[in-house]
Amino acid sequence: MGLTYDEIERFMTEYFPAYSDYGQDPATAHRMHEFYTPDFVFTGYVGFAEPTVYAGRDAFLAFDVSHPPSYERLTPEEMTIDERRKTVCVVIRFEFINGDTGQVEVVERGISQYQLVLDENGAIKITSLLFFPQRLAPGTLSGTEVFLRDQEAATRRKD
């Protein structure tokens, strides 16, 4: 496998459904190891004074499973592949779904840039992800707020 346009496109086409279906469930999140390097870094510019950074694949996956029952369904709408720079920029539709009801609570869009590498076995992996969410009108419920709400509820249940 190489970092050709076709291989990158195939990899990214597999990534989005895998993340949506497995990456946010504690029982299956380990499947995302096939997509991320161990030193993967997520940097999200999600409306706080400083970017949100998860350094390391395990830290990012721990976040991904920390907001039950809600989860994200990601649908790429536009994808630009730069074979030379080994990057992929994607306009993504995010549906934030209440896992208890199955209802879509929030729909947002954002832009993500994925930096790719070949691992020691020649497999494509994501080494970093920059995320820029859609700016929402004041008072509009955001996906970040849905996840924070669910994290707080989970913490209260544990206490």
C-alpha atoms as a PDB file:
ATOM      1  CA  MET A   1       0.000   0.000   0.000  1.00  0.00           C
ATOM      2  CA  GLY A   2       1.215   3.502  -0.682  1.00  0.00           C
ATOM      3  CA  LEU A   3       0.218   7.078  -0.345  1.00  0.00           C
ATOM      4  CA  THR A   4      -1.252   7.317  -3.808  1.00  0.00           C
ATOM      5  CA  TYR A   5      -4.420   9.270  -4.446  1.00  0.00           C
ATOM      6  CA  ASP A   6      -6.476   6.098  -4.881  1.00  0.00           C
ATOM      7  CA  GLU A   7      -5.120   4.463  -1.717  1.00  0.00           C
ATOM      8  CA  ILE A   8      -5.682   7.614   0.327  1.00  0.00           C
ATOM      9  CA  GLU A   9      -9.231   7.902  -1.003  1.00  0.00           C
ATOM     10  CA  ARG A  10      -9.941   4.246  -0.143  1.00  0.00           C
ATOM     11  CA  PHE A  11      -8.509   4.699   3.357  1.00  0.00           C
ATOM     12  CA  MET A  12     -10.567   7.822   4.066  1.00  0.00           C
ATOM     13  CA  THR A  13     -13.714   6.191   2.642  1.00  0.00           C
ATOM     14  CA  GLU A  14     -13.237   3.377   5.178  1.00  0.00           C
ATOM     15  CA  TYR A  15     -12.367   5.745   8.027  1.00  0.00           C
ATOM     16  CA  PHE A  16     -15.600   7.747   8.318  1.00  0.00           C
ATOM     17  CA  PRO A  17     -18.022   4.820   8.744  1.00  0.00           C
ATOM     18  CA  ALA A  18     -15.560   3.075  11.088  1.00  0.00           C
ATOM     19  CA  TYR A  19     -15.355   6.153  13.309  1.00  0.00           C
ATOM     20  CA  SER A  20     -19.133   6.586  13.302  1.00  0.00           C
ATOM     21  CA  ASP A  21     -19.881   2.908  13.985  1.00  0.00           C
ATOM     22  CA  TYR A  22     -17.009   1.824  16.262  1.00  0.00           C
ATOM     23  CA  GLY A  23     -14.866   4.740  17.445  1.00  0.00           C
ATOM     24  CA  GLN A  24     -17.232   6.033  20.127  1.00  0.00           C
ATOM     25  CA  ASP A  25     -18.250   2.761  21.755  1.00  0.00           C
ATOM     26  CA  PRO A  26     -15.986   1.541  24.578  1.00  0.00           C
ATOM     27  CA  ALA A  27     -16.437  -2.057  23.398  1.00  0.00           C
ATOM     28  CA  THR A  28     -15.228  -1.350  19.854  1.00  0.00           C
ATOM     29  CA  ALA A  29     -13.090   1.824  20.005  1.00  0.00           C
ATOM     30  CA  HIS A  30      -9.915  -0.272  19.801  1.00  0.00           C
ATOM     31  CA  ARG A  31     -10.767  -0.862  16.128  1.00  0.00           C
ATOM     32  CA  MET A  32      -9.653   2.717  15.477  1.00  0.00           C
ATOM     33  CA  HIS A  33      -6.043   1.626  16.102  1.00  0.00           C
ATOM     34  CA  GLU A  34      -5.979   0.614  12.435  1.00  0.00           C
ATOM     35  CA  PHE A  35      -6.513   4.285  11.492  1.00  0.00           C
ATOM     36  CA  TYR A  36      -4.385   6.267  13.993  1.00  0.00           C
ATOM     37  CA  THR A  37      -0.698   6.216  14.842  1.00  0.00           C
ATOM     38  CA  PRO A  38       0.079   5.749  18.551  1.00  0.00           C
ATOM     39  CA  ASP A  39       1.406   9.346  18.652  1.00  0.00           C
ATOM     40  CA  PHE A  40      -1.687  10.743  16.904  1.00  0.00           C
ATOM     41  CA  VAL A  41      -2.596  14.324  17.908  1.00  0.00           C
ATOM     42  CA  PHE A  42      -6.056  15.878  17.666  1.00  0.00           C
ATOM     43  CA  THR A  43      -6.269  19.679  17.756  1.00  0.00           C
ATOM     44  CA  GLY A  44      -9.760  21.138  17.739  1.00  0.00           C
ATOM     45  CA  TYR A  45     -10.636  24.812  17.532  1.00  0.00           C
ATOM     46  CA  VAL A  46     -14.057  24.314  19.106  1.00  0.00           C
ATOM     47  CA  GLY A  47     -14.823  27.741  20.535  1.00  0.00           C
ATOM     48  CA  PHE A  48     -12.705  27.827  23.662  1.00  0.00           C
ATOM     49  CA  ALA A  49      -9.937  30.372  24.299  1.00  0.00           C
ATOM     50  CA  GLU A  50      -7.322  27.713  23.563  1.00  0.00           C
ATOM     51  CA  PRO A  51      -7.535  24.775  21.177  1.00  0.00           C
ATOM     52  CA  THR A  52      -8.591  21.419  22.577  1.00  0.00           C
ATOM     53  CA  VAL A  53      -5.680  19.002  22.182  1.00  0.00           C
ATOM     54  CA  TYR A  54      -5.595  15.250  22.710  1.00  0.00           C
ATOM     55  CA  ALA A  55      -1.984  14.112  22.459  1.00  0.00           C
ATOM     56  CA  GLY A  56      -1.823  10.425  21.718  1.00  0.00           C
ATOM     57  CA  ARG A  57      -4.242   7.975  20.147  1.00  0.00           C
ATOM     58  CA  ASP A  58      -5.341   6.604  23.512  1.00  0.00           C
ATOM     59  CA  ALA A  59      -6.162  10.071  24.872  1.00  0.00           C
ATOM     60  CA  PHE A  60      -8.273  10.821  21.814  1.00  0.00           C
ATOM     61  CA  LEU A  61     -10.078   7.486  21.981  1.00  0.00           C
ATOM     62  CA  ALA A  62     -10.730   8.013  25.707  1.00  0.00           C
ATOM     63  CA  PHE A  63     -12.461  11.277  24.819  1.00  0.00           C
ATOM     64  CA  ASP A  64     -14.420   9.612  22.027  1.00  0.00           C
ATOM     65  CA  VAL A  65     -15.985   7.149  24.446  1.00  0.00           C
ATOM     66  CA  SER A  66     -16.513   9.692  27.264  1.00  0.00           C
ATOM     67  CA  HIS A  67     -19.827  11.160  26.147  1.00  0.00           C
ATOM     68  CA  PRO A  68     -22.420   8.399  26.149  1.00  0.00           C
ATOM     69  CA  PRO A  69     -25.145   8.088  25.213  1.00  0.00           C
ATOM     70  CA  SER A  70     -24.637  10.626  22.395  1.00  0.00           C
ATOM     71  CA  TYR A  71     -22.435   9.926  19.429  1.00  0.00           C
ATOM     72  CA  GLU A  72     -21.485  11.484  16.110  1.00  0.00           C
ATOM     73  CA  ARG A  73     -22.234  10.212  12.643  1.00  0.00           C
ATOM     74  CA  LEU A  74     -19.723  11.700  10.212  1.00  0.00           C
ATOM     75  CA  THR A  75     -20.466  12.123   6.530  1.00  0.00           C
ATOM     76  CA  PRO A  76     -17.782  13.582   4.270  1.00  0.00           C
ATOM     77  CA  GLU A  77     -19.297  16.072   1.824  1.00  0.00           C
ATOM     78  CA  GLU A  78     -16.152  17.310   0.073  1.00  0.00           C
ATOM     79  CA  MET A  79     -12.692  15.794   0.166  1.00  0.00           C
ATOM     80  CA  THR A  80      -9.471  17.252  -1.192  1.00  0.00           C
ATOM     81  CA  ILE A  81      -6.495  14.919  -1.280  1.00  0.00           C
ATOM     82  CA  ASP A  82      -2.969  16.311  -1.540  1.00  0.00           C
ATOM     83  CA  GLU A  83      -0.878  13.290  -2.433  1.00  0.00           C
ATOM     84  CA  ARG A  84       2.400  15.225  -2.320  1.00  0.00           C
ATOM     85  CA  ARG A  85       1.814  16.718   1.146  1.00  0.00           C
ATOM     86  CA  LYS A  86       0.072  13.551   2.424  1.00  0.00           C
ATOM     87  CA  THR A  87      -2.900  15.543   3.665  1.00  0.00           C
ATOM     88  CA  VAL A  88      -6.635  15.293   3.245  1.00  0.00           C
ATOM     89  CA  CYS A  89      -9.002  18.202   3.871  1.00  0.00           C
ATOM     90  CA  VAL A  90     -12.635  17.292   4.340  1.00  0.00           C
ATOM     91  CA  VAL A  91     -15.866  19.216   4.763  1.00  0.00           C
ATOM     92  CA  ILE A  92     -17.803  16.972   7.120  1.00  0.00           C
ATOM     93  CA  ARG A  93     -21.444  16.825   8.127  1.00  0.00           C
ATOM     94  CA  PHE A  94     -21.724  15.886  11.807  1.00  0.00           C
ATOM     95  CA  GLU A  95     -24.957  14.483  13.145  1.00  0.00           C
ATOM     96  CA  PHE A  96     -24.999  14.386  16.939  1.00  0.00           C
ATOM     97  CA  ILE A  97     -27.332  11.544  17.824  1.00  0.00           C
ATOM     98  CA  ASN A  98     -28.934  10.765  21.154  1.00  0.00           C
ATOM     99  CA  GLY A  99     -28.073   7.122  21.721  1.00  0.00           C
ATOM    100  CA  ASP A 100     -31.092   6.578  23.963  1.00  0.00           C
ATOM    101  CA  THR A 101     -33.663   7.837  21.460  1.00  0.00           C
ATOM    102  CA  GLY A 102     -31.852   7.535  18.123  1.00  0.00           C
ATOM    103  CA  GLN A 103     -32.889  11.109  17.359  1.00  0.00           C
ATOM    104  CA  VAL A 104     -30.530  13.575  15.686  1.00  0.00           C
ATOM    105  CA  GLU A 105     -30.151  16.440  18.168  1.00  0.00           C
ATOM    106  CA  VAL A 106     -27.707  18.660  16.295  1.00  0.00           C
ATOM    107  CA  VAL A 107     -26.381  18.879  12.749  1.00  0.00           C
ATOM    108  CA  GLU A 108     -23.173  20.808  12.156  1.00  0.00           C
ATOM    109  CA  ARG A 109     -20.486  21.016   9.559  1.00  0.00           C
ATOM    110  CA  GLY A 110     -16.780  21.454   9.983  1.00  0.00           C
ATOM    111  CA  ILE A 111     -13.500  21.229   8.184  1.00  0.00           C
ATOM    112  CA  SER A 112     -10.863  18.720   9.163  1.00  0.00           C
ATOM    113  CA  GLN A 113      -7.322  18.314   7.921  1.00  0.00           C
ATOM    114  CA  TYR A 114      -5.780  14.872   8.271  1.00  0.00           C
ATOM    115  CA  GLN A 115      -2.017  14.331   8.075  1.00  0.00           C
ATOM    116  CA  LEU A 116      -1.157  10.843   6.860  1.00  0.00           C
ATOM    117  CA  VAL A 117       1.899   8.601   7.114  1.00  0.00           C
ATOM    118  CA  LEU A 118       2.811   5.050   6.256  1.00  0.00           C
ATOM    119  CA  ASP A 119       3.492   2.936   9.332  1.00  0.00           C
ATOM    120  CA  GLU A 120       6.276   0.358   9.649  1.00  0.00           C
ATOM    121  CA  ASN A 121       4.064  -2.186   7.846  1.00  0.00           C
ATOM    122  CA  GLY A 122       3.297   0.148   4.941  1.00  0.00           C
ATOM    123  CA  ALA A 123      -0.276   0.830   6.107  1.00  0.00           C
ATOM    124  CA  ILE A 124      -1.754   4.312   5.921  1.00  0.00           C
ATOM    125  CA  LYS A 125      -2.378   5.939   9.307  1.00  0.00           C
ATOM    126  CA  ILE A 126      -3.556   9.341  10.498  1.00  0.00           C
ATOM    127  CA  THR A 127      -0.873  11.083  12.531  1.00  0.00           C
ATOM    128  CA  SER A 128      -2.690  14.355  13.209  1.00  0.00           C
ATOM    129  CA  LEU A 129      -6.089  15.946  12.808  1.00  0.00           C
ATOM    130  CA  LEU A 130      -6.921  19.641  12.832  1.00  0.00           C
ATOM    131  CA  PHE A 131     -10.609  20.375  13.299  1.00  0.00           C
ATOM    132  CA  PHE A 132     -12.475  23.633  12.684  1.00  0.00           C
ATOM    133  CA  PRO A 133     -16.226  23.492  13.414  1.00  0.00           C
ATOM    134  CA  GLN A 134     -18.945  25.586  11.895  1.00  0.00           C
ATOM    135  CA  ARG A 135     -19.692  28.838  13.701  1.00  0.00           C
ATOM    136  CA  LEU A 136     -23.220  28.680  15.033  1.00  0.00           C
ATOM    137  CA  ALA A 137     -25.671  31.442  15.779  1.00  0.00           C
ATOM    138  CA  PRO A 138     -25.770  32.492  19.440  1.00  0.00           C
ATOM    139  CA  GLY A 139     -28.141  30.310  21.429  1.00  0.00           C
ATOM    140  CA  THR A 140     -27.910  27.384  19.004  1.00  0.00           C
ATOM    141  CA  LEU A 141     -27.209  24.028  20.647  1.00  0.00           C
ATOM    142  CA  SER A 142     -23.817  22.726  19.517  1.00  0.00           C
ATOM    143  CA  GLY A 143     -22.427  19.233  19.385  1.00  0.00           C
ATOM    144  CA  THR A 144     -19.816  20.253  21.960  1.00  0.00           C
ATOM    145  CA  GLU A 145     -22.629  21.230  24.337  1.00  0.00           C
ATOM    146  CA  VAL A 146     -24.367  17.881  23.758  1.00  0.00           C
ATOM    147  CA  PHE A 147     -21.182  16.012  24.668  1.00  0.00           C
ATOM    148  CA  LEU A 148     -20.476  18.215  27.715  1.00  0.00           C
ATOM    149  CA  ARG A 149     -24.054  17.666  28.910  1.00  0.00           C
ATOM    150  CA  ASP A 150     -23.662  13.910  28.598  1.00  0.00           C
ATOM    151  CA  GLN A 151     -20.244  13.884  30.308  1.00  0.00           C
ATOM    152  CA  GLU A 152     -21.683  15.859  33.240  1.00  0.00           C
ATOM    153  CA  ALA A 153     -24.669  13.483  33.489  1.00  0.00           C
ATOM    154  CA  ALA A 154     -22.327  10.468  33.480  1.00  0.00           C
ATOM    155  CA  THR A 155     -20.230  12.048  36.243  1.00  0.00           C
ATOM    156  CA  ARG A 156     -23.344  12.697  38.360  1.00  0.00           C
ATOM    157  CA  ARG A 157     -24.429   9.047  37.942  1.00  0.00           C
ATOM    158  CA  LYS A 158     -21.037   7.869  39.236  1.00  0.00           C
ATOM    159  CA  ASP A 159     -21.209  10.064  42.354  1.00  0.00           C
END
